[in-house]
Amino acid sequence: MVIRKSVPVSGCSRPRRHPVTTEPEYTDEEFAFLKAIDRYKHLAGRPWPSWVEVLAVAHALGYRKCAPASPLPRFERGAAGPGRKMRP
């Protein structure tokens, strides 16, 4: 009989949570967007809308480009939700 001990991943002793299975806390704006995407998927009968369709949903919610483009922020790997940390 072989007895195996559980070894922490990467030397970390705390349990790791899977980012998809833990429910993040969304802002009201994020939640409204997610609901609109879900409604679109239901009405269009498409489980995976294209990026053009996602932009159409955002446009329908009233989003418009009103400022010049800026560099995208670099988020730390594994961070999600409103409290995510940005790298300098």
C-alpha atoms as a PDB file:
ATOM      1  CA  MET A   1       0.000   0.000   0.000  1.00  0.00           C
ATOM      2  CA  VAL A   2       1.316   3.435  -0.957  1.00  0.00           C
ATOM      3  CA  ILE A   3       0.543   6.375   1.298  1.00  0.00           C
ATOM      4  CA  ARG A   4       0.874   9.754  -0.333  1.00  0.00           C
ATOM      5  CA  LYS A   5       1.086  12.989   1.557  1.00  0.00           C
ATOM      6  CA  SER A   6      -0.514  16.054   0.084  1.00  0.00           C
ATOM      7  CA  VAL A   7       2.208  18.525  -0.803  1.00  0.00           C
ATOM      8  CA  PRO A   8       1.371  22.221  -1.061  1.00  0.00           C
ATOM      9  CA  VAL A   9       1.611  23.621  -4.574  1.00  0.00           C
ATOM     10  CA  SER A  10       4.564  26.000  -5.075  1.00  0.00           C
ATOM     11  CA  GLY A  11       5.428  25.876  -1.394  1.00  0.00           C
ATOM     12  CA  CYS A  12       2.181  27.633  -0.465  1.00  0.00           C
ATOM     13  CA  SER A  13       0.513  26.165   2.622  1.00  0.00           C
ATOM     14  CA  ARG A  14      -2.892  27.799   2.198  1.00  0.00           C
ATOM     15  CA  PRO A  15      -5.522  26.137   0.019  1.00  0.00           C
ATOM     16  CA  ARG A  16      -5.736  27.448  -3.522  1.00  0.00           C
ATOM     17  CA  ARG A  17      -9.082  28.552  -4.920  1.00  0.00           C
ATOM     18  CA  HIS A  18      -9.962  28.154  -8.547  1.00  0.00           C
ATOM     19  CA  PRO A  19     -10.731  31.629  -9.989  1.00  0.00           C
ATOM     20  CA  VAL A  20     -13.721  30.365 -11.989  1.00  0.00           C
ATOM     21  CA  THR A  21     -15.426  28.538  -9.124  1.00  0.00           C
ATOM     22  CA  THR A  22     -15.201  31.399  -6.634  1.00  0.00           C
ATOM     23  CA  GLU A  23     -17.856  34.036  -7.142  1.00  0.00           C
ATOM     24  CA  PRO A  24     -16.296  37.489  -7.545  1.00  0.00           C
ATOM     25  CA  GLU A  25     -18.088  40.580  -6.328  1.00  0.00           C
ATOM     26  CA  TYR A  26     -19.183  42.704  -9.270  1.00  0.00           C
ATOM     27  CA  THR A  27     -19.936  46.419  -9.319  1.00  0.00           C
ATOM     28  CA  ASP A  28     -23.456  47.431 -10.349  1.00  0.00           C
ATOM     29  CA  GLU A  29     -22.104  48.462 -13.769  1.00  0.00           C
ATOM     30  CA  GLU A  30     -20.346  45.103 -14.290  1.00  0.00           C
ATOM     31  CA  PHE A  31     -23.442  43.187 -13.176  1.00  0.00           C
ATOM     32  CA  ALA A  32     -25.683  45.157 -15.579  1.00  0.00           C
ATOM     33  CA  PHE A  33     -23.290  44.344 -18.433  1.00  0.00           C
ATOM     34  CA  LEU A  34     -23.232  40.623 -17.545  1.00  0.00           C
ATOM     35  CA  LYS A  35     -27.056  40.547 -17.402  1.00  0.00           C
ATOM     36  CA  ALA A  36     -27.272  42.278 -20.794  1.00  0.00           C
ATOM     37  CA  ILE A  37     -24.860  39.750 -22.334  1.00  0.00           C
ATOM     38  CA  ASP A  38     -26.868  36.859 -20.860  1.00  0.00           C
ATOM     39  CA  ARG A  39     -30.088  38.343 -22.227  1.00  0.00           C
ATOM     40  CA  TYR A  40     -28.509  38.767 -25.663  1.00  0.00           C
ATOM     41  CA  LYS A  41     -27.276  35.148 -25.639  1.00  0.00           C
ATOM     42  CA  HIS A  42     -30.782  33.952 -24.760  1.00  0.00           C
ATOM     43  CA  LEU A  43     -32.538  36.094 -27.399  1.00  0.00           C
ATOM     44  CA  ALA A  44     -30.008  35.352 -30.150  1.00  0.00           C
ATOM     45  CA  GLY A  45     -29.766  31.666 -29.292  1.00  0.00           C
ATOM     46  CA  ARG A  46     -25.980  31.907 -29.267  1.00  0.00           C
ATOM     47  CA  PRO A  47     -23.973  30.611 -26.294  1.00  0.00           C
ATOM     48  CA  TRP A  48     -20.806  32.462 -27.407  1.00  0.00           C
ATOM     49  CA  PRO A  49     -21.366  35.927 -28.922  1.00  0.00           C
ATOM     50  CA  SER A  50     -18.643  37.346 -31.144  1.00  0.00           C
ATOM     51  CA  TRP A  51     -16.680  40.429 -30.100  1.00  0.00           C
ATOM     52  CA  VAL A  52     -18.716  42.485 -32.585  1.00  0.00           C
ATOM     53  CA  GLU A  53     -21.894  41.325 -30.821  1.00  0.00           C
ATOM     54  CA  VAL A  54     -20.379  42.120 -27.394  1.00  0.00           C
ATOM     55  CA  LEU A  55     -19.598  45.642 -28.615  1.00  0.00           C
ATOM     56  CA  ALA A  56     -23.174  45.939 -29.930  1.00  0.00           C
ATOM     57  CA  VAL A  57     -24.501  45.023 -26.464  1.00  0.00           C
ATOM     58  CA  ALA A  58     -22.212  47.619 -24.845  1.00  0.00           C
ATOM     59  CA  HIS A  59     -23.406  50.197 -27.395  1.00  0.00           C
ATOM     60  CA  ALA A  60     -27.047  49.294 -26.625  1.00  0.00           C
ATOM     61  CA  LEU A  61     -26.323  49.923 -22.928  1.00  0.00           C
ATOM     62  CA  GLY A  62     -25.229  53.464 -23.815  1.00  0.00           C
ATOM     63  CA  TYR A  63     -21.448  53.065 -23.893  1.00  0.00           C
ATOM     64  CA  ARG A  64     -19.731  55.351 -26.396  1.00  0.00           C
ATOM     65  CA  LYS A  65     -16.116  56.162 -27.102  1.00  0.00           C
ATOM     66  CA  CYS A  66     -15.645  59.665 -25.752  1.00  0.00           C
ATOM     67  CA  ALA A  67     -11.919  59.783 -25.004  1.00  0.00           C
ATOM     68  CA  PRO A  68      -8.792  58.978 -26.968  1.00  0.00           C
ATOM     69  CA  ALA A  69      -7.400  55.468 -26.631  1.00  0.00           C
ATOM     70  CA  SER A  70      -4.946  54.831 -23.798  1.00  0.00           C
ATOM     71  CA  PRO A  71      -2.702  51.871 -22.956  1.00  0.00           C
ATOM     72  CA  LEU A  72      -4.428  48.934 -21.308  1.00  0.00           C
ATOM     73  CA  PRO A  73      -3.623  48.419 -17.613  1.00  0.00           C
ATOM     74  CA  ARG A  74      -1.577  45.344 -16.729  1.00  0.00           C
ATOM     75  CA  PHE A  75      -3.418  43.299 -14.122  1.00  0.00           C
ATOM     76  CA  GLU A  76      -1.634  40.880 -11.836  1.00  0.00           C
ATOM     77  CA  ARG A  77      -2.055  37.253 -12.841  1.00  0.00           C
ATOM     78  CA  GLY A  78      -4.947  35.604 -11.018  1.00  0.00           C
ATOM     79  CA  ALA A  79      -6.447  38.860  -9.761  1.00  0.00           C
ATOM     80  CA  ALA A  80     -10.120  39.360 -10.539  1.00  0.00           C
ATOM     81  CA  GLY A  81     -12.941  41.644  -9.540  1.00  0.00           C
ATOM     82  CA  PRO A  82     -13.103  45.255  -8.418  1.00  0.00           C
ATOM     83  CA  GLY A  83     -10.175  44.927  -5.986  1.00  0.00           C
ATOM     84  CA  ARG A  84      -7.714  43.643  -8.590  1.00  0.00           C
ATOM     85  CA  LYS A  85      -4.161  44.909  -8.334  1.00  0.00           C
ATOM     86  CA  MET A  86      -2.532  46.694 -11.242  1.00  0.00           C
ATOM     87  CA  ARG A  87       1.162  46.501 -11.989  1.00  0.00           C
ATOM     88  CA  PRO A  88       3.070  49.771 -12.369  1.00  0.00           C
END
